[in-house]
Amino acid sequence: MTSRLCSLSEWADKRTAAIYIAKSKTEAKLAIEDLFAPHVKASINGRNITREEIDQLLLGMRPTEEGALGFYWTDVVGAPRDPSQRDGAVSGVYIISGLQIPHLETGLLVPGYRRKGVAVIIESQSQDPTIDSRKIVEFVSVANNYYLDQLAAQEKERGRYVSKYGYKL
């Protein structure tokens, strides 16, 4: 008997959100282990990184041991290899808020956010169809930090672009 799995984009949404909205670094570390395969092939901003560096980057965004960050997808697309949703690809853009980033002029920490585009390959880690063993095995990301006051302007501009060029339903 096979279990019915949620779509790859739903899976990616839930698993990615779990990292950022975790209430502690310990919870976030467990969420990272649920998302990424130990042997993941990854790069960020064109630089290859190891699984350990993924952990360091994701956990390093948290200013303290306790407390969650903000998170939401602006766009996400999932493409399964077959109807089982066990393997496939997901691509999207999301926002991580609640960051403290250094101001370029003063060096002081100020409220910020990270806009992150990702493309991932997801594969089941087990042949057992009764369990959800999906993990990210390949990960390419482009990310940049911005000051929090830039977020509203970027989202407004994105909205204008969608209104002007987006498909009208």
Protein backbone atom coordinates (compact mmCIF):
# COMPACT_ATOMS: atom_id res chain seq x y z
CA MET A 1 0.00 0.00 0.00
CA THR A 2 1.32 3.44 -0.91
CA SER A 3 0.61 6.55 1.11
CA ARG A 4 -0.72 9.66 -0.63
CA LEU A 5 1.89 12.40 -0.45
CA CYS A 6 1.29 16.12 -0.57
CA SER A 7 2.61 17.96 -3.63
CA LEU A 8 6.30 18.79 -3.85
CA SER A 9 5.60 22.51 -3.52
CA GLU A 10 3.48 21.92 -0.37
CA TRP A 11 6.24 19.71 1.02
CA ALA A 12 8.89 22.37 0.28
CA ASP A 13 6.72 25.10 1.81
CA LYS A 14 6.15 23.22 5.08
CA ARG A 15 9.71 21.93 5.43
CA THR A 16 11.38 25.24 4.57
CA ALA A 17 9.08 27.25 6.83
CA ALA A 18 9.87 24.87 9.70
CA ILE A 19 13.51 26.02 9.64
CA TYR A 20 12.77 29.73 9.90
CA ILE A 21 9.75 29.70 12.20
CA ALA A 22 11.38 27.24 14.63
CA LYS A 23 11.39 28.71 18.13
CA SER A 24 15.01 27.73 18.79
CA LYS A 25 18.25 26.85 17.04
CA THR A 26 17.78 23.27 18.24
CA GLU A 27 14.37 23.04 16.52
CA ALA A 28 15.80 24.71 13.42
CA LYS A 29 18.66 22.18 13.27
CA LEU A 30 16.13 19.30 13.32
CA ALA A 31 14.13 21.00 10.55
CA ILE A 32 17.31 21.34 8.46
CA GLU A 33 17.94 17.60 8.89
CA ASP A 34 14.35 16.91 7.74
CA LEU A 35 14.84 19.01 4.59
CA PHE A 36 18.33 18.22 3.30
CA ALA A 37 19.91 14.88 2.46
CA PRO A 38 23.29 14.38 4.17
CA HIS A 39 24.96 14.13 0.74
CA VAL A 40 23.25 17.24 -0.75
CA LYS A 41 25.06 18.97 -3.61
CA ALA A 42 24.62 22.71 -2.98
CA SER A 43 25.68 26.18 -4.03
CA ILE A 44 24.79 29.69 -2.93
CA ASN A 45 25.51 32.77 -5.02
CA GLY A 46 27.65 30.65 -7.35
CA ARG A 47 29.86 29.14 -4.62
CA ASN A 48 29.70 25.42 -3.82
CA ILE A 49 28.98 24.72 -0.16
CA THR A 50 28.95 21.64 2.03
CA ARG A 51 26.07 20.33 4.11
CA GLU A 52 27.83 21.64 7.22
CA GLU A 53 28.04 25.11 5.66
CA ILE A 54 24.29 24.97 4.91
CA ASP A 55 23.68 24.35 8.62
CA GLN A 56 26.01 27.20 9.61
CA LEU A 57 24.40 29.66 7.18
CA LEU A 58 20.82 28.84 8.16
CA LEU A 59 21.47 28.74 11.90
CA GLY A 60 23.72 31.81 11.73
CA MET A 61 20.82 34.03 10.62
CA ARG A 62 19.28 33.70 14.09
CA PRO A 63 20.52 36.48 16.36
CA THR A 64 19.82 34.44 19.51
CA GLU A 65 19.36 30.81 20.57
CA GLU A 66 15.61 31.30 21.11
CA GLY A 67 13.08 33.02 18.86
CA ALA A 68 11.75 32.58 15.34
CA LEU A 69 12.35 34.44 12.11
CA GLY A 70 9.63 35.47 9.66
CA PHE A 71 9.15 33.55 6.43
CA TYR A 72 6.93 33.52 3.34
CA TRP A 73 7.12 32.38 -0.28
CA THR A 74 6.44 35.02 -2.93
CA ASP A 75 6.44 32.36 -5.67
CA VAL A 76 6.82 28.57 -5.70
CA VAL A 77 6.55 26.01 -8.50
CA GLY A 78 6.72 22.24 -8.08
CA ALA A 79 7.21 19.70 -10.87
CA PRO A 80 6.97 16.00 -9.95
CA ARG A 81 8.71 13.35 -12.05
CA ASP A 82 5.57 11.20 -11.81
CA PRO A 83 2.13 11.30 -10.16
CA SER A 84 3.44 9.82 -6.87
CA GLN A 85 5.10 13.18 -5.95
CA ARG A 86 8.05 11.18 -4.50
CA ASP A 87 10.68 12.81 -6.72
CA GLY A 88 10.93 16.02 -8.70
CA ALA A 89 11.94 19.66 -8.62
CA VAL A 90 10.83 22.85 -6.88
CA SER A 91 11.80 26.42 -7.66
CA GLY A 92 10.75 29.63 -6.00
CA VAL A 93 11.49 32.85 -4.19
CA TYR A 94 10.96 33.53 -0.51
CA ILE A 95 11.53 36.22 2.08
CA ILE A 96 13.18 35.69 5.47
CA SER A 97 12.51 38.55 7.90
CA GLY A 98 13.61 39.28 11.44
CA LEU A 99 17.29 39.52 10.52
CA GLN A 100 19.80 41.97 11.91
CA ILE A 101 22.23 43.09 9.19
CA PRO A 102 25.11 45.57 9.31
CA HIS A 103 24.35 48.99 7.82
CA LEU A 104 26.81 49.73 5.01
CA GLU A 105 27.57 53.26 6.23
CA THR A 106 27.49 52.94 10.00
CA GLY A 107 28.25 49.24 10.55
CA LEU A 108 25.49 49.15 13.16
CA LEU A 109 23.04 46.26 13.08
CA VAL A 110 19.68 47.26 11.63
CA PRO A 111 16.47 45.34 10.84
CA GLY A 112 16.75 43.48 7.57
CA TYR A 113 15.48 40.65 5.45
CA ARG A 114 16.83 38.17 2.92
CA ARG A 115 15.27 37.57 -0.50
CA LYS A 116 16.22 34.09 -1.65
CA GLY A 117 15.64 32.30 -4.94
CA VAL A 118 16.04 28.53 -4.93
CA ALA A 119 15.95 25.62 -7.35
CA VAL A 120 16.03 22.17 -5.78
CA ILE A 121 15.89 18.51 -6.74
CA ILE A 122 13.93 16.34 -4.30
CA GLU A 123 14.24 12.56 -4.10
CA SER A 124 12.84 9.88 -1.83
CA GLN A 125 15.53 8.38 0.36
CA SER A 126 13.73 5.05 0.77
CA GLN A 127 12.09 2.59 -1.61
CA ASP A 128 9.30 2.07 0.95
CA PRO A 129 6.24 3.77 -0.57
CA THR A 130 4.43 3.91 2.78
CA ILE A 131 6.71 6.57 4.25
CA ASP A 132 7.54 10.11 3.17
CA SER A 133 11.32 10.00 2.87
CA ARG A 134 11.74 13.00 0.55
CA LYS A 135 14.82 15.19 0.96
CA ILE A 136 16.60 17.82 -1.09
CA VAL A 137 19.55 16.25 -2.90
CA GLU A 138 20.53 19.25 -5.07
CA PHE A 139 20.19 22.90 -4.08
CA VAL A 140 21.08 26.09 -5.96
CA SER A 141 20.34 29.40 -4.28
CA VAL A 142 20.81 33.07 -4.99
CA ALA A 143 20.30 35.27 -1.93
CA ASN A 144 20.86 38.85 -0.87
CA ASN A 145 20.19 40.88 2.26
CA TYR A 146 18.28 44.16 2.23
CA TYR A 147 17.29 46.75 4.80
CA LEU A 148 13.77 46.20 6.09
CA ASP A 149 12.55 49.56 4.78
CA GLN A 150 13.28 48.30 1.23
CA LEU A 151 10.83 45.38 1.48
CA ALA A 152 7.62 47.37 1.02
CA ALA A 153 9.05 49.21 -2.00
CA GLN A 154 10.25 45.96 -3.62
CA GLU A 155 6.90 44.24 -3.10
CA LYS A 156 5.02 47.29 -4.43
CA GLU A 157 7.21 47.29 -7.55
CA ARG A 158 6.63 43.54 -7.98
CA GLY A 159 2.88 44.16 -7.71
CA ARG A 160 3.05 46.86 -10.41
CA TYR A 161 4.98 44.50 -12.66
CA VAL A 162 2.44 41.70 -12.18
CA SER A 163 -0.43 44.13 -12.85
CA LYS A 164 1.20 45.41 -16.01
CA TYR A 165 2.58 42.19 -17.48
CA GLY A 166 0.81 39.40 -15.59
CA TYR A 167 -1.78 37.18 -17.21
CA LYS A 168 -5.28 38.43 -16.53
CA LEU A 169 -7.69 35.73 -15.38
